[in-house]
Amino acid sequence: FSAAAETGRTVRILDRFNQPADHAVSIYH
């Protein structure tokens, strides 16, 4: 966000990414 504001350009977030399911995350960790 700070980077986008610095440029002064109009920027939209179209998608958010994570690691795939085989890189499993324990709900307790």
mmCIF file of all heavy atoms, coordinates in Angstrom:
data_MODEL
# 
_entry.id   MODEL 
# 
loop_
_atom_site.group_PDB 
_atom_site.id 
_atom_site.type_symbol 
_atom_site.label_atom_id 
_atom_site.label_alt_id 
_atom_site.label_comp_id 
_atom_site.label_asym_id 
_atom_site.label_entity_id 
_atom_site.label_seq_id 
_atom_site.pdbx_PDB_ins_code 
_atom_site.Cartn_x 
_atom_site.Cartn_y 
_atom_site.Cartn_z 
_atom_site.occupancy 
_atom_site.B_iso_or_equiv 
_atom_site.pdbx_formal_charge 
_atom_site.auth_seq_id 
_atom_site.auth_comp_id 
_atom_site.auth_asym_id 
_atom_site.auth_atom_id 
_atom_site.pdbx_PDB_model_num 
ATOM 1   N N   . PHE A 1 1  ? 0.837   -1.213  0.000   1.00 0.00 ? 1  PHE A N   1 
ATOM 2   C CA  . PHE A 1 1  ? 0.000   0.000   0.000   1.00 0.00 ? 1  PHE A CA  1 
ATOM 3   C C   . PHE A 1 1  ? 0.865   1.253   0.000   1.00 0.00 ? 1  PHE A C   1 
ATOM 4   O O   . PHE A 1 1  ? 0.632   2.190   -0.775  1.00 0.00 ? 1  PHE A O   1 
ATOM 5   C CB  . PHE A 1 1  ? -0.916  0.003   1.227   1.00 0.00 ? 1  PHE A CB  1 
ATOM 6   C CG  . PHE A 1 1  ? -1.446  1.365   1.580   1.00 0.00 ? 1  PHE A CG  1 
ATOM 7   C CD1 . PHE A 1 1  ? -2.496  1.933   0.871   1.00 0.00 ? 1  PHE A CD1 1 
ATOM 8   C CD2 . PHE A 1 1  ? -0.878  2.093   2.619   1.00 0.00 ? 1  PHE A CD2 1 
ATOM 9   C CE1 . PHE A 1 1  ? -2.960  3.201   1.192   1.00 0.00 ? 1  PHE A CE1 1 
ATOM 10  C CE2 . PHE A 1 1  ? -1.347  3.355   2.941   1.00 0.00 ? 1  PHE A CE2 1 
ATOM 11  C CZ  . PHE A 1 1  ? -2.392  3.917   2.228   1.00 0.00 ? 1  PHE A CZ  1 
ATOM 12  N N   . SER A 1 2  ? 1.882   1.286   0.859   1.00 0.00 ? 2  SER A N   1 
ATOM 13  C CA  . SER A 1 2  ? 2.771   2.446   0.928   1.00 0.00 ? 2  SER A CA  1 
ATOM 14  C C   . SER A 1 2  ? 3.509   2.642   -0.388  1.00 0.00 ? 2  SER A C   1 
ATOM 15  O O   . SER A 1 2  ? 3.721   3.778   -0.837  1.00 0.00 ? 2  SER A O   1 
ATOM 16  C CB  . SER A 1 2  ? 3.775   2.271   2.075   1.00 0.00 ? 2  SER A CB  1 
ATOM 17  O OG  . SER A 1 2  ? 3.101   2.145   3.314   1.00 0.00 ? 2  SER A OG  1 
ATOM 18  N N   . ALA A 1 3  ? 3.879   1.519   -1.020  1.00 0.00 ? 3  ALA A N   1 
ATOM 19  C CA  . ALA A 1 3  ? 4.548   1.601   -2.316  1.00 0.00 ? 3  ALA A CA  1 
ATOM 20  C C   . ALA A 1 3  ? 3.627   2.203   -3.369  1.00 0.00 ? 3  ALA A C   1 
ATOM 21  O O   . ALA A 1 3  ? 4.028   3.068   -4.154  1.00 0.00 ? 3  ALA A O   1 
ATOM 22  C CB  . ALA A 1 3  ? 5.005   0.205   -2.742  1.00 0.00 ? 3  ALA A CB  1 
ATOM 23  N N   . ALA A 1 4  ? 2.374   1.754   -3.387  1.00 0.00 ? 4  ALA A N   1 
ATOM 24  C CA  . ALA A 1 4  ? 1.415   2.275   -4.356  1.00 0.00 ? 4  ALA A CA  1 
ATOM 25  C C   . ALA A 1 4  ? 1.172   3.759   -4.143  1.00 0.00 ? 4  ALA A C   1 
ATOM 26  O O   . ALA A 1 4  ? 1.133   4.551   -5.103  1.00 0.00 ? 4  ALA A O   1 
ATOM 27  C CB  . ALA A 1 4  ? 0.101   1.498   -4.257  1.00 0.00 ? 4  ALA A CB  1 
ATOM 28  N N   . ALA A 1 5  ? 1.005   4.158   -2.879  1.00 0.00 ? 5  ALA A N   1 
ATOM 29  C CA  . ALA A 1 5  ? 0.768   5.571   -2.567  1.00 0.00 ? 5  ALA A CA  1 
ATOM 30  C C   . ALA A 1 5  ? 1.939   6.432   -3.001  1.00 0.00 ? 5  ALA A C   1 
ATOM 31  O O   . ALA A 1 5  ? 1.764   7.575   -3.453  1.00 0.00 ? 5  ALA A O   1 
ATOM 32  C CB  . ALA A 1 5  ? 0.508   5.725   -1.067  1.00 0.00 ? 5  ALA A CB  1 
ATOM 33  N N   . GLU A 1 6  ? 3.138   5.889   -2.878  1.00 0.00 ? 6  GLU A N   1 
ATOM 34  C CA  . GLU A 1 6  ? 4.343   6.619   -3.259  1.00 0.00 ? 6  GLU A CA  1 
ATOM 35  C C   . GLU A 1 6  ? 4.347   6.935   -4.755  1.00 0.00 ? 6  GLU A C   1 
ATOM 36  O O   . GLU A 1 6  ? 4.823   7.985   -5.180  1.00 0.00 ? 6  GLU A O   1 
ATOM 37  C CB  . GLU A 1 6  ? 5.560   5.770   -2.891  1.00 0.00 ? 6  GLU A CB  1 
ATOM 38  C CG  . GLU A 1 6  ? 6.907   6.395   -3.173  1.00 0.00 ? 6  GLU A CG  1 
ATOM 39  C CD  . GLU A 1 6  ? 8.051   5.470   -2.786  1.00 0.00 ? 6  GLU A CD  1 
ATOM 40  O OE1 . GLU A 1 6  ? 7.916   4.745   -1.772  1.00 0.00 ? 6  GLU A OE1 1 
ATOM 41  O OE2 . GLU A 1 6  ? 9.061   5.453   -3.512  1.00 0.00 ? 6  GLU A OE2 1 
ATOM 42  N N   . THR A 1 7  ? 3.796   6.023   -5.562  1.00 0.00 ? 7  THR A N   1 
ATOM 43  C CA  . THR A 1 7  ? 3.797   6.237   -7.015  1.00 0.00 ? 7  THR A CA  1 
ATOM 44  C C   . THR A 1 7  ? 2.686   7.175   -7.454  1.00 0.00 ? 7  THR A C   1 
ATOM 45  O O   . THR A 1 7  ? 2.764   7.762   -8.542  1.00 0.00 ? 7  THR A O   1 
ATOM 46  C CB  . THR A 1 7  ? 3.613   4.896   -7.756  1.00 0.00 ? 7  THR A CB  1 
ATOM 47  O OG1 . THR A 1 7  ? 2.296   4.387   -7.516  1.00 0.00 ? 7  THR A OG1 1 
ATOM 48  C CG2 . THR A 1 7  ? 4.645   3.876   -7.308  1.00 0.00 ? 7  THR A CG2 1 
ATOM 49  N N   . GLY A 1 8  ? 1.620   7.291   -6.659  1.00 0.00 ? 8  GLY A N   1 
ATOM 50  C CA  . GLY A 1 8  ? 0.491   8.136   -7.025  1.00 0.00 ? 8  GLY A CA  1 
ATOM 51  C C   . GLY A 1 8  ? -0.440  7.517   -8.047  1.00 0.00 ? 8  GLY A C   1 
ATOM 52  O O   . GLY A 1 8  ? -1.391  8.168   -8.502  1.00 0.00 ? 8  GLY A O   1 
ATOM 53  N N   . ARG A 1 9  ? -0.217  6.257   -8.425  1.00 0.00 ? 9  ARG A N   1 
ATOM 54  C CA  . ARG A 1 9  ? -1.062  5.608   -9.423  1.00 0.00 ? 9  ARG A CA  1 
ATOM 55  C C   . ARG A 1 9  ? -2.273  4.947   -8.751  1.00 0.00 ? 9  ARG A C   1 
ATOM 56  O O   . ARG A 1 9  ? -2.241  4.621   -7.555  1.00 0.00 ? 9  ARG A O   1 
ATOM 57  C CB  . ARG A 1 9  ? -0.269  4.568   -10.213 1.00 0.00 ? 9  ARG A CB  1 
ATOM 58  C CG  . ARG A 1 9  ? 0.924   5.166   -10.941 1.00 0.00 ? 9  ARG A CG  1 
ATOM 59  C CD  . ARG A 1 9  ? 1.649   4.158   -11.802 1.00 0.00 ? 9  ARG A CD  1 
ATOM 60  N NE  . ARG A 1 9  ? 0.883   3.830   -13.016 1.00 0.00 ? 9  ARG A NE  1 
ATOM 61  C CZ  . ARG A 1 9  ? 1.341   3.024   -13.972 1.00 0.00 ? 9  ARG A CZ  1 
ATOM 62  N NH1 . ARG A 1 9  ? 2.560   2.476   -13.847 1.00 0.00 ? 9  ARG A NH1 1 
ATOM 63  N NH2 . ARG A 1 9  ? 0.614   2.777   -15.043 1.00 0.00 ? 9  ARG A NH2 1 
ATOM 64  N N   . THR A 1 10 ? -3.335  4.753   -9.506  1.00 0.00 ? 10 THR A N   1 
ATOM 65  C CA  . THR A 1 10 ? -4.514  4.063   -8.998  1.00 0.00 ? 10 THR A CA  1 
ATOM 66  C C   . THR A 1 10 ? -4.260  2.562   -9.071  1.00 0.00 ? 10 THR A C   1 
ATOM 67  O O   . THR A 1 10 ? -3.960  2.027   -10.146 1.00 0.00 ? 10 THR A O   1 
ATOM 68  C CB  . THR A 1 10 ? -5.757  4.419   -9.828  1.00 0.00 ? 10 THR A CB  1 
ATOM 69  O OG1 . THR A 1 10 ? -5.963  5.828   -9.753  1.00 0.00 ? 10 THR A OG1 1 
ATOM 70  C CG2 . THR A 1 10 ? -6.987  3.692   -9.313  1.00 0.00 ? 10 THR A CG2 1 
ATOM 71  N N   . VAL A 1 11 ? -4.381  1.890   -7.929  1.00 0.00 ? 11 VAL A N   1 
ATOM 72  C CA  . VAL A 1 11 ? -4.039  0.460   -7.841  1.00 0.00 ? 11 VAL A CA  1 
ATOM 73  C C   . VAL A 1 11 ? -5.186  -0.288  -7.184  1.00 0.00 ? 11 VAL A C   1 
ATOM 74  O O   . VAL A 1 11 ? -5.714  0.143   -6.149  1.00 0.00 ? 11 VAL A O   1 
ATOM 75  C CB  . VAL A 1 11 ? -2.737  0.253   -7.030  1.00 0.00 ? 11 VAL A CB  1 
ATOM 76  C CG1 . VAL A 1 11 ? -2.409  -1.238  -6.916  1.00 0.00 ? 11 VAL A CG1 1 
ATOM 77  C CG2 . VAL A 1 11 ? -1.572  1.009   -7.673  1.00 0.00 ? 11 VAL A CG2 1 
ATOM 78  N N   . ARG A 1 12 ? -5.581  -1.389  -7.796  1.00 0.00 ? 12 ARG A N   1 
ATOM 79  C CA  . ARG A 1 12 ? -6.603  -2.254  -7.210  1.00 0.00 ? 12 ARG A CA  1 
ATOM 80  C C   . ARG A 1 12 ? -5.994  -3.612  -6.856  1.00 0.00 ? 12 ARG A C   1 
ATOM 81  O O   . ARG A 1 12 ? -5.118  -4.108  -7.572  1.00 0.00 ? 12 ARG A O   1 
ATOM 82  C CB  . ARG A 1 12 ? -7.753  -2.497  -8.191  1.00 0.00 ? 12 ARG A CB  1 
ATOM 83  C CG  . ARG A 1 12 ? -8.523  -1.259  -8.606  1.00 0.00 ? 12 ARG A CG  1 
ATOM 84  C CD  . ARG A 1 12 ? -9.732  -1.680  -9.440  1.00 0.00 ? 12 ARG A CD  1 
ATOM 85  N NE  . ARG A 1 12 ? -10.493 -0.548  -9.925  1.00 0.00 ? 12 ARG A NE  1 
ATOM 86  C CZ  . ARG A 1 12 ? -10.366 -0.015  -11.127 1.00 0.00 ? 12 ARG A CZ  1 
ATOM 87  N NH1 . ARG A 1 12 ? -9.486  -0.510  -11.975 1.00 0.00 ? 12 ARG A NH1 1 
ATOM 88  N NH2 . ARG A 1 12 ? -11.111 1.009   -11.504 1.00 0.00 ? 12 ARG A NH2 1 
ATOM 89  N N   . ILE A 1 13 ? -6.476  -4.225  -5.780  1.00 0.00 ? 13 ILE A N   1 
ATOM 90  C CA  . ILE A 1 13 ? -6.101  -5.597  -5.440  1.00 0.00 ? 13 ILE A CA  1 
ATOM 91  C C   . ILE A 1 13 ? -7.118  -6.528  -6.096  1.00 0.00 ? 13 ILE A C   1 
ATOM 92  O O   . ILE A 1 13 ? -8.307  -6.492  -5.780  1.00 0.00 ? 13 ILE A O   1 
ATOM 93  C CB  . ILE A 1 13 ? -6.079  -5.822  -3.918  1.00 0.00 ? 13 ILE A CB  1 
ATOM 94  C CG1 . ILE A 1 13 ? -5.009  -4.939  -3.261  1.00 0.00 ? 13 ILE A CG1 1 
ATOM 95  C CG2 . ILE A 1 13 ? -5.809  -7.297  -3.596  1.00 0.00 ? 13 ILE A CG2 1 
ATOM 96  C CD1 . ILE A 1 13 ? -5.001  -5.015  -1.748  1.00 0.00 ? 13 ILE A CD1 1 
ATOM 97  N N   . LEU A 1 14 ? -6.649  -7.366  -7.014  1.00 0.00 ? 14 LEU A N   1 
ATOM 98  C CA  . LEU A 1 14 ? -7.532  -8.301  -7.704  1.00 0.00 ? 14 LEU A CA  1 
ATOM 99  C C   . LEU A 1 14 ? -7.574  -9.669  -7.045  1.00 0.00 ? 14 LEU A C   1 
ATOM 100 O O   . LEU A 1 14 ? -8.565  -10.386 -7.152  1.00 0.00 ? 14 LEU A O   1 
ATOM 101 C CB  . LEU A 1 14 ? -7.080  -8.480  -9.160  1.00 0.00 ? 14 LEU A CB  1 
ATOM 102 C CG  . LEU A 1 14 ? -7.041  -7.224  -10.033 1.00 0.00 ? 14 LEU A CG  1 
ATOM 103 C CD1 . LEU A 1 14 ? -6.725  -7.615  -11.468 1.00 0.00 ? 14 LEU A CD1 1 
ATOM 104 C CD2 . LEU A 1 14 ? -8.359  -6.461  -9.967  1.00 0.00 ? 14 LEU A CD2 1 
ATOM 105 N N   . ASP A 1 15 ? -6.496  -10.036 -6.361  1.00 0.00 ? 15 ASP A N   1 
ATOM 106 C CA  . ASP A 1 15 ? -6.441  -11.370 -5.745  1.00 0.00 ? 15 ASP A CA  1 
ATOM 107 C C   . ASP A 1 15 ? -5.374  -11.387 -4.668  1.00 0.00 ? 15 ASP A C   1 
ATOM 108 O O   . ASP A 1 15 ? -4.471  -10.536 -4.646  1.00 0.00 ? 15 ASP A O   1 
ATOM 109 C CB  . ASP A 1 15 ? -6.128  -12.426 -6.813  1.00 0.00 ? 15 ASP A CB  1 
ATOM 110 C CG  . ASP A 1 15 ? -6.670  -13.804 -6.456  1.00 0.00 ? 15 ASP A CG  1 
ATOM 111 O OD1 . ASP A 1 15 ? -7.097  -14.001 -5.293  1.00 0.00 ? 15 ASP A OD1 1 
ATOM 112 O OD2 . ASP A 1 15 ? -6.677  -14.685 -7.344  1.00 0.00 ? 15 ASP A OD2 1 
ATOM 113 N N   . ARG A 1 16 ? -5.497  -12.356 -3.764  1.00 0.00 ? 16 ARG A N   1 
ATOM 114 C CA  . ARG A 1 16 ? -4.511  -12.576 -2.700  1.00 0.00 ? 16 ARG A CA  1 
ATOM 115 C C   . ARG A 1 16 ? -4.048  -14.023 -2.774  1.00 0.00 ? 16 ARG A C   1 
ATOM 116 O O   . ARG A 1 16 ? -4.853  -14.918 -3.034  1.00 0.00 ? 16 ARG A O   1 
ATOM 117 C CB  . ARG A 1 16 ? -5.107  -12.278 -1.321  1.00 0.00 ? 16 ARG A CB  1 
ATOM 118 C CG  . ARG A 1 16 ? -5.556  -10.818 -1.162  1.00 0.00 ? 16 ARG A CG  1 
ATOM 119 C CD  . ARG A 1 16 ? -6.206  -10.585 0.194   1.00 0.00 ? 16 ARG A CD  1 
ATOM 120 N NE  . ARG A 1 16 ? -6.762  -9.248  0.293   1.00 0.00 ? 16 ARG A NE  1 
ATOM 121 C CZ  . ARG A 1 16 ? -6.097  -8.189  0.782   1.00 0.00 ? 16 ARG A CZ  1 
ATOM 122 N NH1 . ARG A 1 16 ? -4.860  -8.347  1.228   1.00 0.00 ? 16 ARG A NH1 1 
ATOM 123 N NH2 . ARG A 1 16 ? -6.659  -6.998  0.829   1.00 0.00 ? 16 ARG A NH2 1 
ATOM 124 N N   . PHE A 1 17 ? -2.754  -14.241 -2.524  1.00 0.00 ? 17 PHE A N   1 
ATOM 125 C CA  . PHE A 1 17 ? -2.172  -15.567 -2.702  1.00 0.00 ? 17 PHE A CA  1 
ATOM 126 C C   . PHE A 1 17 ? -1.593  -16.109 -1.399  1.00 0.00 ? 17 PHE A C   1 
ATOM 127 O O   . PHE A 1 17 ? -1.173  -15.351 -0.523  1.00 0.00 ? 17 PHE A O   1 
ATOM 128 C CB  . PHE A 1 17 ? -1.079  -15.527 -3.771  1.00 0.00 ? 17 PHE A CB  1 
ATOM 129 C CG  . PHE A 1 17 ? -1.533  -14.963 -5.082  1.00 0.00 ? 17 PHE A CG  1 
ATOM 130 C CD1 . PHE A 1 17 ? -0.965  -13.799 -5.584  1.00 0.00 ? 17 PHE A CD1 1 
ATOM 131 C CD2 . PHE A 1 17 ? -2.532  -15.581 -5.809  1.00 0.00 ? 17 PHE A CD2 1 
ATOM 132 C CE1 . PHE A 1 17 ? -1.374  -13.264 -6.801  1.00 0.00 ? 17 PHE A CE1 1 
ATOM 133 C CE2 . PHE A 1 17 ? -2.953  -15.054 -7.030  1.00 0.00 ? 17 PHE A CE2 1 
ATOM 134 C CZ  . PHE A 1 17 ? -2.378  -13.905 -7.520  1.00 0.00 ? 17 PHE A CZ  1 
ATOM 135 N N   . ASN A 1 18 ? -1.558  -17.435 -1.325  1.00 0.00 ? 18 ASN A N   1 
ATOM 136 C CA  . ASN A 1 18 ? -0.979  -18.144 -0.183  1.00 0.00 ? 18 ASN A CA  1 
ATOM 137 C C   . ASN A 1 18 ? -0.143  -19.309 -0.695  1.00 0.00 ? 18 ASN A C   1 
ATOM 138 O O   . ASN A 1 18 ? -0.073  -19.559 -1.896  1.00 0.00 ? 18 ASN A O   1 
ATOM 139 C CB  . ASN A 1 18 ? -2.089  -18.678 0.734   1.00 0.00 ? 18 ASN A CB  1 
ATOM 140 C CG  . ASN A 1 18 ? -3.032  -17.603 1.224   1.00 0.00 ? 18 ASN A CG  1 
ATOM 141 O OD1 . ASN A 1 18 ? -2.666  -16.797 2.057   1.00 0.00 ? 18 ASN A OD1 1 
ATOM 142 N ND2 . ASN A 1 18 ? -4.243  -17.574 0.677   1.00 0.00 ? 18 ASN A ND2 1 
ATOM 143 N N   . GLN A 1 19 ? 0.447   -20.047 0.232   1.00 0.00 ? 19 GLN A N   1 
ATOM 144 C CA  . GLN A 1 19 ? 1.124   -21.277 -0.128  1.00 0.00 ? 19 GLN A CA  1 
ATOM 145 C C   . GLN A 1 19 ? 0.079   -22.356 -0.423  1.00 0.00 ? 19 GLN A C   1 
ATOM 146 O O   . GLN A 1 19 ? -1.037  -22.303 0.093   1.00 0.00 ? 19 GLN A O   1 
ATOM 147 C CB  . GLN A 1 19 ? 2.039   -21.727 1.009   1.00 0.00 ? 19 GLN A CB  1 
ATOM 148 C CG  . GLN A 1 19 ? 1.323   -22.051 2.313   1.00 0.00 ? 19 GLN A CG  1 
ATOM 149 C CD  . GLN A 1 19 ? 2.158   -21.703 3.531   1.00 0.00 ? 19 GLN A CD  1 
ATOM 150 O OE1 . GLN A 1 19 ? 2.525   -20.553 3.735   1.00 0.00 ? 19 GLN A OE1 1 
ATOM 151 N NE2 . GLN A 1 19 ? 2.466   -22.709 4.341   1.00 0.00 ? 19 GLN A NE2 1 
ATOM 152 N N   . PRO A 1 20 ? 0.399   -23.323 -1.277  1.00 0.00 ? 20 PRO A N   1 
ATOM 153 C CA  . PRO A 1 20 ? -0.585  -24.353 -1.629  1.00 0.00 ? 20 PRO A CA  1 
ATOM 154 C C   . PRO A 1 20 ? -0.807  -25.341 -0.491  1.00 0.00 ? 20 PRO A C   1 
ATOM 155 O O   . PRO A 1 20 ? -0.076  -25.370 0.505   1.00 0.00 ? 20 PRO A O   1 
ATOM 156 C CB  . PRO A 1 20 ? 0.051   -25.036 -2.843  1.00 0.00 ? 20 PRO A CB  1 
ATOM 157 C CG  . PRO A 1 20 ? 1.524   -24.820 -2.659  1.00 0.00 ? 20 PRO A CG  1 
ATOM 158 C CD  . PRO A 1 20 ? 1.668   -23.485 -1.995  1.00 0.00 ? 20 PRO A CD  1 
ATOM 159 N N   . ALA A 1 21 ? -1.821  -26.189 -0.653  1.00 0.00 ? 21 ALA A N   1 
ATOM 160 C CA  . ALA A 1 21 ? -2.273  -27.058 0.432   1.00 0.00 ? 21 ALA A CA  1 
ATOM 161 C C   . ALA A 1 21 ? -1.244  -28.102 0.839   1.00 0.00 ? 21 ALA A C   1 
ATOM 162 O O   . ALA A 1 21 ? -1.264  -28.583 1.983   1.00 0.00 ? 21 ALA A O   1 
ATOM 163 C CB  . ALA A 1 21 ? -3.577  -27.748 0.035   1.00 0.00 ? 21 ALA A CB  1 
ATOM 164 N N   . ASP A 1 22 ? -0.340  -28.495 -0.066  1.00 0.00 ? 22 ASP A N   1 
ATOM 165 C CA  . ASP A 1 22 ? 0.683   -29.468 0.333   1.00 0.00 ? 22 ASP A CA  1 
ATOM 166 C C   . ASP A 1 22 ? 1.735   -28.839 1.242   1.00 0.00 ? 22 ASP A C   1 
ATOM 167 O O   . ASP A 1 22 ? 2.511   -29.572 1.871   1.00 0.00 ? 22 ASP A O   1 
ATOM 168 C CB  . ASP A 1 22 ? 1.336   -30.130 -0.880  1.00 0.00 ? 22 ASP A CB  1 
ATOM 169 C CG  . ASP A 1 22 ? 1.900   -29.128 -1.873  1.00 0.00 ? 22 ASP A CG  1 
ATOM 170 O OD1 . ASP A 1 22 ? 1.375   -28.001 -1.948  1.00 0.00 ? 22 ASP A OD1 1 
ATOM 171 O OD2 . ASP A 1 22 ? 2.856   -29.473 -2.580  1.00 0.00 ? 22 ASP A OD2 1 
ATOM 172 N N   . HIS A 1 23 ? 1.751   -27.514 1.337   1.00 0.00 ? 23 HIS A N   1 
ATOM 173 C CA  . HIS A 1 23 ? 2.582   -26.818 2.328   1.00 0.00 ? 23 HIS A CA  1 
ATOM 174 C C   . HIS A 1 23 ? 1.660   -26.497 3.513   1.00 0.00 ? 23 HIS A C   1 
ATOM 175 O O   . HIS A 1 23 ? 1.352   -25.346 3.809   1.00 0.00 ? 23 HIS A O   1 
ATOM 176 C CB  . HIS A 1 23 ? 3.197   -25.557 1.744   1.00 0.00 ? 23 HIS A CB  1 
ATOM 177 C CG  . HIS A 1 23 ? 4.230   -25.835 0.696   1.00 0.00 ? 23 HIS A CG  1 
ATOM 178 N ND1 . HIS A 1 23 ? 3.941   -26.488 -0.487  1.00 0.00 ? 23 HIS A ND1 1 
ATOM 179 C CD2 . HIS A 1 23 ? 5.554   -25.557 0.655   1.00 0.00 ? 23 HIS A CD2 1 
ATOM 180 C CE1 . HIS A 1 23 ? 5.049   -26.597 -1.207  1.00 0.00 ? 23 HIS A CE1 1 
ATOM 181 N NE2 . HIS A 1 23 ? 6.036   -26.042 -0.535  1.00 0.00 ? 23 HIS A NE2 1 
ATOM 182 N N   . ALA A 1 24 ? 1.219   -27.554 4.168   1.00 0.00 ? 24 ALA A N   1 
ATOM 183 C CA  . ALA A 1 24 ? 0.118   -27.491 5.130   1.00 0.00 ? 24 ALA A CA  1 
ATOM 184 C C   . ALA A 1 24 ? 0.459   -26.631 6.345   1.00 0.00 ? 24 ALA A C   1 
ATOM 185 O O   . ALA A 1 24 ? 1.605   -26.583 6.790   1.00 0.00 ? 24 ALA A O   1 
ATOM 186 C CB  . ALA A 1 24 ? -0.244  -28.898 5.587   1.00 0.00 ? 24 ALA A CB  1 
ATOM 187 N N   . VAL A 1 25 ? -0.560  -25.963 6.867   1.00 0.00 ? 25 VAL A N   1 
ATOM 188 C CA  . VAL A 1 25 ? -0.428  -25.152 8.079   1.00 0.00 ? 25 VAL A CA  1 
ATOM 189 C C   . VAL A 1 25 ? -1.315  -25.754 9.161   1.00 0.00 ? 25 VAL A C   1 
ATOM 190 O O   . VAL A 1 25 ? -2.525  -25.888 8.972   1.00 0.00 ? 25 VAL A O   1 
ATOM 191 C CB  . VAL A 1 25 ? -0.844  -23.688 7.823   1.00 0.00 ? 25 VAL A CB  1 
ATOM 192 C CG1 . VAL A 1 25 ? -0.714  -22.858 9.105   1.00 0.00 ? 25 VAL A CG1 1 
ATOM 193 C CG2 . VAL A 1 25 ? -0.003  -23.082 6.712   1.00 0.00 ? 25 VAL A CG2 1 
ATOM 194 N N   . SER A 1 26 ? -0.720  -26.133 10.275  1.00 0.00 ? 26 SER A N   1 
ATOM 195 C CA  . SER A 1 26 ? -1.512  -26.638 11.399  1.00 0.00 ? 26 SER A CA  1 
ATOM 196 C C   . SER A 1 26 ? -2.338  -25.500 11.980  1.00 0.00 ? 26 SER A C   1 
ATOM 197 O O   . SER A 1 26 ? -1.846  -24.378 12.160  1.00 0.00 ? 26 SER A O   1 
ATOM 198 C CB  . SER A 1 26 ? -0.594  -27.203 12.483  1.00 0.00 ? 26 SER A CB  1 
ATOM 199 O OG  . SER A 1 26 ? -1.319  -27.432 13.691  1.00 0.00 ? 26 SER A OG  1 
ATOM 200 N N   . ILE A 1 27 ? -3.598  -25.787 12.269  1.00 0.00 ? 27 ILE A N   1 
ATOM 201 C CA  . ILE A 1 27 ? -4.457  -24.763 12.855  1.00 0.00 ? 27 ILE A CA  1 
ATOM 202 C C   . ILE A 1 27 ? -3.941  -24.330 14.226  1.00 0.00 ? 27 ILE A C   1 
ATOM 203 O O   . ILE A 1 27 ? -4.229  -23.228 14.695  1.00 0.00 ? 27 ILE A O   1 
ATOM 204 C CB  . ILE A 1 27 ? -5.907  -25.286 12.956  1.00 0.00 ? 27 ILE A CB  1 
ATOM 205 C CG1 . ILE A 1 27 ? -6.883  -24.119 13.128  1.00 0.00 ? 27 ILE A CG1 1 
ATOM 206 C CG2 . ILE A 1 27 ? -6.048  -26.332 14.069  1.00 0.00 ? 27 ILE A CG2 1 
ATOM 207 C CD1 . ILE A 1 27 ? -8.335  -24.510 12.936  1.00 0.00 ? 27 ILE A CD1 1 
ATOM 208 N N   . TYR A 1 28 ? -3.136  -25.175 14.846  1.00 0.00 ? 28 TYR A N   1 
ATOM 209 C CA  . TYR A 1 28 ? -2.557  -24.856 16.152  1.00 0.00 ? 28 TYR A CA  1 
ATOM 210 C C   . TYR A 1 28 ? -1.215  -24.144 16.043  1.00 0.00 ? 28 TYR A C   1 
ATOM 211 O O   . TYR A 1 28 ? -0.628  -23.775 17.063  1.00 0.00 ? 28 TYR A O   1 
ATOM 212 C CB  . TYR A 1 28 ? -2.378  -26.143 16.974  1.00 0.00 ? 28 TYR A CB  1 
ATOM 213 C CG  . TYR A 1 28 ? -3.633  -26.968 17.058  1.00 0.00 ? 28 TYR A CG  1 
ATOM 214 C CD1 . TYR A 1 28 ? -3.743  -28.202 16.415  1.00 0.00 ? 28 TYR A CD1 1 
ATOM 215 C CD2 . TYR A 1 28 ? -4.747  -26.508 17.772  1.00 0.00 ? 28 TYR A CD2 1 
ATOM 216 C CE1 . TYR A 1 28 ? -4.909  -28.954 16.484  1.00 0.00 ? 28 TYR A CE1 1 
ATOM 217 C CE2 . TYR A 1 28 ? -5.914  -27.251 17.845  1.00 0.00 ? 28 TYR A CE2 1 
ATOM 218 C CZ  . TYR A 1 28 ? -5.985  -28.467 17.204  1.00 0.00 ? 28 TYR A CZ  1 
ATOM 219 O OH  . TYR A 1 28 ? -7.143  -29.202 17.264  1.00 0.00 ? 28 TYR A OH  1 
ATOM 220 N N   . HIS A 1 29 ? -0.733  -23.968 14.803  1.00 0.00 ? 29 HIS A N   1 
ATOM 221 C CA  . HIS A 1 29 ? 0.582   -23.357 14.583  1.00 0.00 ? 29 HIS A CA  1 
ATOM 222 C C   . HIS A 1 29 ? 0.508   -22.396 13.406  1.00 0.00 ? 29 HIS A C   1 
ATOM 223 O O   . HIS A 1 29 ? 1.015   -22.667 12.313  1.00 0.00 ? 29 HIS A O   1 
ATOM 224 C CB  . HIS A 1 29 ? 1.623   -24.467 14.314  1.00 0.00 ? 29 HIS A CB  1 
ATOM 225 C CG  . HIS A 1 29 ? 3.019   -23.955 14.141  1.00 0.00 ? 29 HIS A CG  1 
ATOM 226 N ND1 . HIS A 1 29 ? 3.634   -23.872 12.909  1.00 0.00 ? 29 HIS A ND1 1 
ATOM 227 C CD2 . HIS A 1 29 ? 3.923   -23.497 15.043  1.00 0.00 ? 29 HIS A CD2 1 
ATOM 228 C CE1 . HIS A 1 29 ? 4.856   -23.387 13.057  1.00 0.00 ? 29 HIS A CE1 1 
ATOM 229 N NE2 . HIS A 1 29 ? 5.061   -23.160 14.333  1.00 0.00 ? 29 HIS A NE2 1 
# 
